[in-house]
PDB file of all heavy atoms in Angstrom:
ATOM      1  N   LYS A   1     117.337 109.232  97.546  1.00  0.00           N
ATOM      2  CA  LYS A   1     117.025 107.896  96.944  1.00  0.00           C
ATOM      3  C   LYS A   1     116.629 106.898  97.845  1.00  0.00           C
ATOM      4  O   LYS A   1     115.776 106.018  97.757  1.00  0.00           O
ATOM      5  CB  LYS A   1     118.059 107.409  95.919  1.00  0.00           C
ATOM      6  CG  LYS A   1     118.184 108.260  94.727  1.00  0.00           C
ATOM      7  CD  LYS A   1     119.165 107.460  93.704  1.00  0.00           C
ATOM      8  CE  LYS A   1     119.104 108.091  92.267  1.00  0.00           C
ATOM      9  NZ  LYS A   1     119.810 107.333  91.347  1.00  0.00           N
ATOM     10  N   ALA A   2     117.450 106.852  99.074  1.00  0.00           N
ATOM     11  CA  ALA A   2     117.340 105.724 100.058  1.00  0.00           C
ATOM     12  C   ALA A   2     115.966 105.854 100.657  1.00  0.00           C
ATOM     13  O   ALA A   2     115.305 104.944 100.968  1.00  0.00           O
ATOM     14  CB  ALA A   2     118.422 105.870 101.036  1.00  0.00           C
ATOM     15  N   ARG A   3     115.486 107.070 100.943  1.00  0.00           N
ATOM     16  CA  ARG A   3     114.219 107.360 101.583  1.00  0.00           C
ATOM     17  C   ARG A   3     113.047 106.969 100.663  1.00  0.00           C
ATOM     18  O   ARG A   3     112.047 106.420 101.010  1.00  0.00           O
ATOM     19  CB  ARG A   3     113.959 108.855 101.794  1.00  0.00           C
ATOM     20  CG  ARG A   3     114.898 109.309 103.038  1.00  0.00           C
ATOM     21  CD  ARG A   3     114.343 110.641 103.616  1.00  0.00           C
ATOM     22  NE  ARG A   3     113.936 111.686 102.789  1.00  0.00           N
ATOM     23  CZ  ARG A   3     114.758 112.641 102.304  1.00  0.00           C
ATOM     24  NH1 ARG A   3     116.007 112.603 102.665  1.00  0.00           N
ATOM     25  NH2 ARG A   3     114.207 113.489 101.427  1.00  0.00           N
ATOM     26  N   ALA A   4     113.228 107.142  99.349  1.00  0.00           N
ATOM     27  CA  ALA A   4     112.163 106.840  98.361  1.00  0.00           C
ATOM     28  C   ALA A   4     112.025 105.277  98.243  1.00  0.00           C
ATOM     29  O   ALA A   4     110.889 104.773  98.236  1.00  0.00           O
ATOM     30  CB  ALA A   4     112.502 107.409  96.946  1.00  0.00           C
ATOM     31  N   ILE A   5     113.172 104.579  98.315  1.00  0.00           N
ATOM     32  CA  ILE A   5     113.095 103.144  98.303  1.00  0.00           C
ATOM     33  C   ILE A   5     112.441 102.597  99.624  1.00  0.00           C
ATOM     34  O   ILE A   5     111.684 101.688  99.598  1.00  0.00           O
ATOM     35  CB  ILE A   5     114.571 102.495  98.019  1.00  0.00           C
ATOM     36  CG1 ILE A   5     115.027 102.952  96.774  1.00  0.00           C
ATOM     37  CG2 ILE A   5     114.421 100.919  98.230  1.00  0.00           C
ATOM     38  CD1 ILE A   5     116.633 102.702  96.506  1.00  0.00           C
ATOM     39  N   SER A   6     112.883 103.259 100.742  1.00  0.00           N
ATOM     40  CA  SER A   6     112.214 102.802 101.962  1.00  0.00           C
ATOM     41  C   SER A   6     110.773 102.933 102.060  1.00  0.00           C
ATOM     42  O   SER A   6     110.098 102.249 102.615  1.00  0.00           O
ATOM     43  CB  SER A   6     112.931 103.558 103.041  1.00  0.00           C
ATOM     44  OG  SER A   6     114.362 103.322 103.165  1.00  0.00           O
ATOM     45  N   MET A   7     110.302 104.038 101.437  1.00  0.00           N
ATOM     46  CA  MET A   7     108.815 104.348 101.401  1.00  0.00           C
ATOM     47  C   MET A   7     108.121 103.247 100.666  1.00  0.00           C
ATOM     48  O   MET A   7     107.140 102.701 100.992  1.00  0.00           O
ATOM     49  CB  MET A   7     108.554 105.781 100.855  1.00  0.00           C
ATOM     50  CG  MET A   7     107.230 106.264 101.241  1.00  0.00           C
ATOM     51  SD  MET A   7     106.945 106.581 102.891  1.00  0.00           S
ATOM     52  CE  MET A   7     105.522 105.328 103.287  1.00  0.00           C
ATOM     53  N   ASP A   8     108.769 102.822  99.397  1.00  0.00           N
ATOM     54  CA  ASP A   8     108.224 101.827  98.538  1.00  0.00           C
ATOM     55  C   ASP A   8     108.246 100.457  99.383  1.00  0.00           C
ATOM     56  O   ASP A   8     107.330  99.646  99.320  1.00  0.00           O
ATOM     57  CB  ASP A   8     108.902 101.618  97.341  1.00  0.00           C
ATOM     58  CG  ASP A   8     108.783 102.782  96.278  1.00  0.00           C
ATOM     59  OD1 ASP A   8     107.623 103.483  96.468  1.00  0.00           O
ATOM     60  OD2 ASP A   8     109.586 102.934  95.462  1.00  0.00           O
ATOM     61  N   LEU A   9     109.168 100.266 100.162  1.00  0.00           N
ATOM     62  CA  LEU A   9     109.288  99.040 100.942  1.00  0.00           C
ATOM     63  C   LEU A   9     108.201  98.953 102.054  1.00  0.00           C
ATOM     64  O   LEU A   9     107.647  97.969 102.283  1.00  0.00           O
ATOM     65  CB  LEU A   9     110.707  99.024 101.493  1.00  0.00           C
ATOM     66  CG  LEU A   9     111.051  97.678 102.485  1.00  0.00           C
ATOM     67  CD1 LEU A   9     110.898  96.474 101.636  1.00  0.00           C
ATOM     68  CD2 LEU A   9     112.454  97.869 102.965  1.00  0.00           C
ATOM     69  N   LEU A  10     108.000 100.131 102.630  1.00  0.00           N
ATOM     70  CA  LEU A  10     106.930 100.201 103.584  1.00  0.00           C
ATOM     71  C   LEU A  10     105.604  99.904 103.026  1.00  0.00           C
ATOM     72  O   LEU A  10     104.739  99.227 103.659  1.00  0.00           O
ATOM     73  CB  LEU A  10     106.801 101.559 104.351  1.00  0.00           C
ATOM     74  CG  LEU A  10     107.864 101.815 105.405  1.00  0.00           C
ATOM     75  CD1 LEU A  10     107.787 103.273 105.855  1.00  0.00           C
ATOM     76  CD2 LEU A  10     107.857 100.836 106.596  1.00  0.00           C
ATOM     77  N   SER A  11     105.300 100.377 101.773  1.00  0.00           N
ATOM     78  CA  SER A  11     103.990 100.014 101.156  1.00  0.00           C
ATOM     79  C   SER A  11     103.991  98.546 100.935  1.00  0.00           C
ATOM     80  O   SER A  11     102.817  97.981 101.104  1.00  0.00           O
ATOM     81  CB  SER A  11     103.955 100.801  99.875  1.00  0.00           C
ATOM     82  OG  SER A  11     103.948 102.095 100.142  1.00  0.00           O
ATOM     83  N   ALA A  12     105.014  97.934 100.345  1.00  0.00           N
ATOM     84  CA  ALA A  12     104.992  96.482 100.232  1.00  0.00           C
ATOM     85  C   ALA A  12     104.806  95.686 101.630  1.00  0.00           C
ATOM     86  O   ALA A  12     104.009  94.719 101.597  1.00  0.00           O
ATOM     87  CB  ALA A  12     106.297  96.126  99.635  1.00  0.00           C
ATOM     88  N   LEU A  13     105.533  96.222 102.577  1.00  0.00           N
ATOM     89  CA  LEU A  13     105.353  95.534 103.918  1.00  0.00           C
ATOM     90  C   LEU A  13     103.926  95.614 104.371  1.00  0.00           C
ATOM     91  O   LEU A  13     103.452  94.668 105.063  1.00  0.00           O
ATOM     92  CB  LEU A  13     106.366  96.169 104.919  1.00  0.00           C
ATOM     93  CG  LEU A  13     106.408  95.555 106.399  1.00  0.00           C
ATOM     94  CD1 LEU A  13     106.687  94.059 106.320  1.00  0.00           C
ATOM     95  CD2 LEU A  13     107.307  96.382 107.254  1.00  0.00           C
ATOM     96  N   ALA A  14     103.321  96.834 104.250  1.00  0.00           N
ATOM     97  CA  ALA A  14     101.905  96.905 104.619  1.00  0.00           C
ATOM     98  C   ALA A  14     101.027  95.821 104.086  1.00  0.00           C
ATOM     99  O   ALA A  14     100.276  95.169 104.691  1.00  0.00           O
ATOM    100  CB  ALA A  14     101.458  98.426 104.390  1.00  0.00           C
ATOM    101  N   ARG A  15     101.208  95.699 102.767  1.00  0.00           N
ATOM    102  CA  ARG A  15     100.519  94.569 102.040  1.00  0.00           C
ATOM    103  C   ARG A  15     100.755  93.224 102.685  1.00  0.00           C
ATOM    104  O   ARG A  15      99.911  92.422 102.834  1.00  0.00           O
ATOM    105  CB  ARG A  15     100.783  94.700 100.532  1.00  0.00           C
ATOM    106  CG  ARG A  15     100.105  95.893  99.817  1.00  0.00           C
ATOM    107  CD  ARG A  15     100.221  95.697  98.304  1.00  0.00           C
ATOM    108  NE  ARG A  15     101.493  95.502  97.784  1.00  0.00           N
ATOM    109  CZ  ARG A  15     102.263  96.613  97.309  1.00  0.00           C
ATOM    110  NH1 ARG A  15     101.564  97.829  97.196  1.00  0.00           N
ATOM    111  NH2 ARG A  15     103.448  96.421  96.869  1.00  0.00           N
ATOM    112  N   ALA A  16     102.058  92.981 102.912  1.00  0.00           N
ATOM    113  CA  ALA A  16     102.473  91.683 103.345  1.00  0.00           C
ATOM    114  C   ALA A  16     101.909  91.347 104.752  1.00  0.00           C
ATOM    115  O   ALA A  16     101.631  90.217 104.941  1.00  0.00           O
ATOM    116  CB  ALA A  16     103.991  91.676 103.464  1.00  0.00           C
ATOM    117  N   ILE A  17     101.692  92.267 105.605  1.00  0.00           N
ATOM    118  CA  ILE A  17     101.211  92.031 106.841  1.00  0.00           C
ATOM    119  C   ILE A  17      99.566  92.244 107.119  1.00  0.00           C
ATOM    120  O   ILE A  17      99.079  92.192 108.151  1.00  0.00           O
ATOM    121  CB  ILE A  17     101.872  92.751 108.035  1.00  0.00           C
ATOM    122  CG1 ILE A  17     101.713  94.247 107.950  1.00  0.00           C
ATOM    123  CG2 ILE A  17     103.345  92.450 108.005  1.00  0.00           C
ATOM    124  CD1 ILE A  17     102.264  95.118 109.013  1.00  0.00           C
ATOM    125  N   GLY A  18      99.013  92.551 105.890  1.00  0.00           N
ATOM    126  CA  GLY A  18      97.636  92.567 105.892  1.00  0.00           C
ATOM    127  C   GLY A  18      96.971  93.914 106.061  1.00  0.00           C
ATOM    128  O   GLY A  18      95.734  94.078 106.368  1.00  0.00           O
ATOM    129  N   GLU A  19      97.778  95.054 105.885  1.00  0.00           N
ATOM    130  CA  GLU A  19      97.219  96.500 105.970  1.00  0.00           C
ATOM    131  C   GLU A  19      97.070  97.011 104.532  1.00  0.00           C
ATOM    132  O   GLU A  19      97.648  96.456 103.672  1.00  0.00           O
ATOM    133  CB  GLU A  19      98.177  97.344 106.832  1.00  0.00           C
ATOM    134  CG  GLU A  19      98.333  96.840 108.346  1.00  0.00           C
ATOM    135  CD  GLU A  19      97.149  96.977 109.124  1.00  0.00           C
ATOM    136  OE1 GLU A  19      96.250  97.763 108.641  1.00  0.00           O
ATOM    137  OE2 GLU A  19      96.983  96.383 110.083  1.00  0.00           O
ATOM    138  N   PRO A  20      96.389  98.090 104.412  1.00  0.00           N
ATOM    139  CA  PRO A  20      96.330  98.728 103.072  1.00  0.00           C
ATOM    140  C   PRO A  20      97.738  99.128 102.680  1.00  0.00           C
ATOM    141  O   PRO A  20      98.429  99.605 103.440  1.00  0.00           O
ATOM    142  CB  PRO A  20      95.354  99.857 103.265  1.00  0.00           C
ATOM    143  CG  PRO A  20      94.561  99.500 104.460  1.00  0.00           C
ATOM    144  CD  PRO A  20      95.476  98.784 105.327  1.00  0.00           C
ATOM    145  N   ALA A  21      98.078  99.228 101.327  1.00  0.00           N
ATOM    146  CA  ALA A  21      99.361  99.507 100.879  1.00  0.00           C
ATOM    147  C   ALA A  21      99.535 100.943 101.211  1.00  0.00           C
ATOM    148  O   ALA A  21     100.721 101.353 101.348  1.00  0.00           O
ATOM    149  CB  ALA A  21      99.335  99.363  99.354  1.00  0.00           C
ATOM    150  N   SER A  22      98.569 101.862 101.368  1.00  0.00           N
ATOM    151  CA  SER A  22      98.776 103.241 101.637  1.00  0.00           C
ATOM    152  C   SER A  22      98.696 103.454 103.182  1.00  0.00           C
ATOM    153  O   SER A  22      98.750 104.739 103.539  1.00  0.00           O
ATOM    154  CB  SER A  22      97.446 104.103 101.103  1.00  0.00           C
ATOM    155  OG  SER A  22      96.311 103.537 101.606  1.00  0.00           O
ATOM    156  N   PHE A  23      98.872 102.467 103.991  1.00  0.00           N
ATOM    157  CA  PHE A  23      98.667 102.679 105.361  1.00  0.00           C
ATOM    158  C   PHE A  23      99.800 103.725 106.037  1.00  0.00           C
ATOM    159  O   PHE A  23      99.427 104.502 106.886  1.00  0.00           O
ATOM    160  CB  PHE A  23      98.866 101.316 106.137  1.00  0.00           C
ATOM    161  CG  PHE A  23      98.706 101.458 107.675  1.00  0.00           C
ATOM    162  CD1 PHE A  23      97.502 101.469 108.342  1.00  0.00           C
ATOM    163  CD2 PHE A  23      99.769 101.411 108.545  1.00  0.00           C
ATOM    164  CE1 PHE A  23      97.442 101.706 109.729  1.00  0.00           C
ATOM    165  CE2 PHE A  23      99.829 101.658 109.846  1.00  0.00           C
ATOM    166  CZ  PHE A  23      98.480 101.728 110.435  1.00  0.00           C
ATOM    167  N   PHE A  24     100.991 103.546 105.480  1.00  0.00           N
ATOM    168  CA  PHE A  24     102.046 104.353 106.066  1.00  0.00           C
ATOM    169  C   PHE A  24     102.266 105.742 105.319  1.00  0.00           C
ATOM    170  O   PHE A  24     103.068 106.544 105.939  1.00  0.00           O
ATOM    171  CB  PHE A  24     103.377 103.621 105.994  1.00  0.00           C
ATOM    172  CG  PHE A  24     103.422 102.350 106.885  1.00  0.00           C
ATOM    173  CD1 PHE A  24     103.300 101.044 106.287  1.00  0.00           C
ATOM    174  CD2 PHE A  24     103.464 102.486 108.256  1.00  0.00           C
ATOM    175  CE1 PHE A  24     103.493  99.904 107.051  1.00  0.00           C
ATOM    176  CE2 PHE A  24     103.389 101.266 109.050  1.00  0.00           C
ATOM    177  CZ  PHE A  24     103.396 100.022 108.460  1.00  0.00           C
ATOM    178  N   GLU A  25     101.579 105.982 104.256  1.00  0.00           N
ATOM    179  CA  GLU A  25     101.925 107.094 103.385  1.00  0.00           C
ATOM    180  C   GLU A  25     101.823 108.511 104.143  1.00  0.00           C
ATOM    181  O   GLU A  25     102.772 109.299 104.150  1.00  0.00           O
ATOM    182  CB  GLU A  25     101.020 107.083 102.271  1.00  0.00           C
ATOM    183  CG  GLU A  25     101.395 106.141 101.056  1.00  0.00           C
ATOM    184  CD  GLU A  25     100.511 106.144 100.011  1.00  0.00           C
ATOM    185  OE1 GLU A  25      99.622 107.142  99.806  1.00  0.00           O
ATOM    186  OE2 GLU A  25     100.733 105.312  99.058  1.00  0.00           O
ATOM    187  N   ASP A  26     100.703 108.712 104.821  1.00  0.00           N
ATOM    188  CA  ASP A  26     100.590 110.005 105.465  1.00  0.00           C
ATOM    189  C   ASP A  26     101.296 110.074 106.823  1.00  0.00           C
ATOM    190  O   ASP A  26     101.310 111.172 107.465  1.00  0.00           O
ATOM    191  CB  ASP A  26      99.119 110.320 105.636  1.00  0.00           C
ATOM    192  CG  ASP A  26      98.408 109.448 106.549  1.00  0.00           C
ATOM    193  OD1 ASP A  26      99.058 108.292 106.881  1.00  0.00           O
ATOM    194  OD2 ASP A  26      97.338 109.696 107.170  1.00  0.00           O
ATOM    195  N   LYS A  27     101.980 109.002 107.208  1.00  0.00           N
ATOM    196  CA  LYS A  27     102.672 109.019 108.463  1.00  0.00           C
ATOM    197  C   LYS A  27     104.112 109.265 108.270  1.00  0.00           C
ATOM    198  O   LYS A  27     104.935 109.269 109.235  1.00  0.00           O
ATOM    199  CB  LYS A  27     102.479 107.700 109.173  1.00  0.00           C
ATOM    200  CG  LYS A  27     100.927 107.408 109.399  1.00  0.00           C
ATOM    201  CD  LYS A  27     100.751 106.014 109.929  1.00  0.00           C
ATOM    202  CE  LYS A  27      99.194 105.646 110.118  1.00  0.00           C
ATOM    203  NZ  LYS A  27      98.360 105.790 108.920  1.00  0.00           N
ATOM    204  N   PHE A  28     104.560 109.469 107.072  1.00  0.00           N
ATOM    205  CA  PHE A  28     106.018 109.500 106.752  1.00  0.00           C
ATOM    206  C   PHE A  28     106.239 110.805 105.768  1.00  0.00           C
ATOM    207  O   PHE A  28     107.169 110.808 105.057  1.00  0.00           O
ATOM    208  CB  PHE A  28     106.605 108.312 106.159  1.00  0.00           C
ATOM    209  CG  PHE A  28     106.939 107.173 107.006  1.00  0.00           C
ATOM    210  CD1 PHE A  28     105.906 106.392 107.547  1.00  0.00           C
ATOM    211  CD2 PHE A  28     108.205 106.900 107.531  1.00  0.00           C
ATOM    212  CE1 PHE A  28     106.090 105.286 108.444  1.00  0.00           C
ATOM    213  CE2 PHE A  28     108.502 105.908 108.344  1.00  0.00           C
ATOM    214  CZ  PHE A  28     107.417 105.117 108.829  1.00  0.00           C
ATOM    215  N   ASP A  29     105.369 111.750 105.857  1.00  0.00           N
ATOM    216  CA  ASP A  29     105.563 112.976 104.838  1.00  0.00           C
ATOM    217  C   ASP A  29     106.613 113.885 105.411  1.00  0.00           C
ATOM    218  O   ASP A  29     107.170 114.568 104.671  1.00  0.00           O
ATOM    219  CB  ASP A  29     104.226 113.600 104.502  1.00  0.00           C
ATOM    220  CG  ASP A  29     103.425 113.831 105.749  1.00  0.00           C
ATOM    221  OD1 ASP A  29     103.909 113.947 106.810  1.00  0.00           O
ATOM    222  OD2 ASP A  29     102.067 114.195 105.407  1.00  0.00           O
ATOM    223  N   THR A  30     106.804 113.874 106.667  1.00  0.00           N
ATOM    224  CA  THR A  30     107.910 114.604 107.394  1.00  0.00           C
ATOM    225  C   THR A  30     108.554 113.742 108.283  1.00  0.00           C
ATOM    226  O   THR A  30     108.592 113.899 109.513  1.00  0.00           O
ATOM    227  CB  THR A  30     107.482 115.800 108.041  1.00  0.00           C
ATOM    228  OG1 THR A  30     106.644 116.670 107.228  1.00  0.00           O
ATOM    229  CG2 THR A  30     108.639 116.818 108.412  1.00  0.00           C
ATOM    230  N   PRO A  31     109.230 112.687 107.749  1.00  0.00           N
ATOM    231  CA  PRO A  31     109.824 111.557 108.601  1.00  0.00           C
ATOM    232  C   PRO A  31     110.971 112.076 109.496  1.00  0.00           C
ATOM    233  O   PRO A  31     111.739 112.951 109.131  1.00  0.00           O
ATOM    234  CB  PRO A  31     110.232 110.495 107.655  1.00  0.00           C
ATOM    235  CG  PRO A  31     110.674 111.350 106.390  1.00  0.00           C
ATOM    236  CD  PRO A  31     109.673 112.484 106.352  1.00  0.00           C
TER     237      PRO A  31
END
């Protein structure tokens, strides 16, 4: 559960700093 929340948080952070919301998705599939 904590990993899933953290992934959602990264998507939000990407938007907040001006990157696409999907920027981190393929970089955390085997974190």
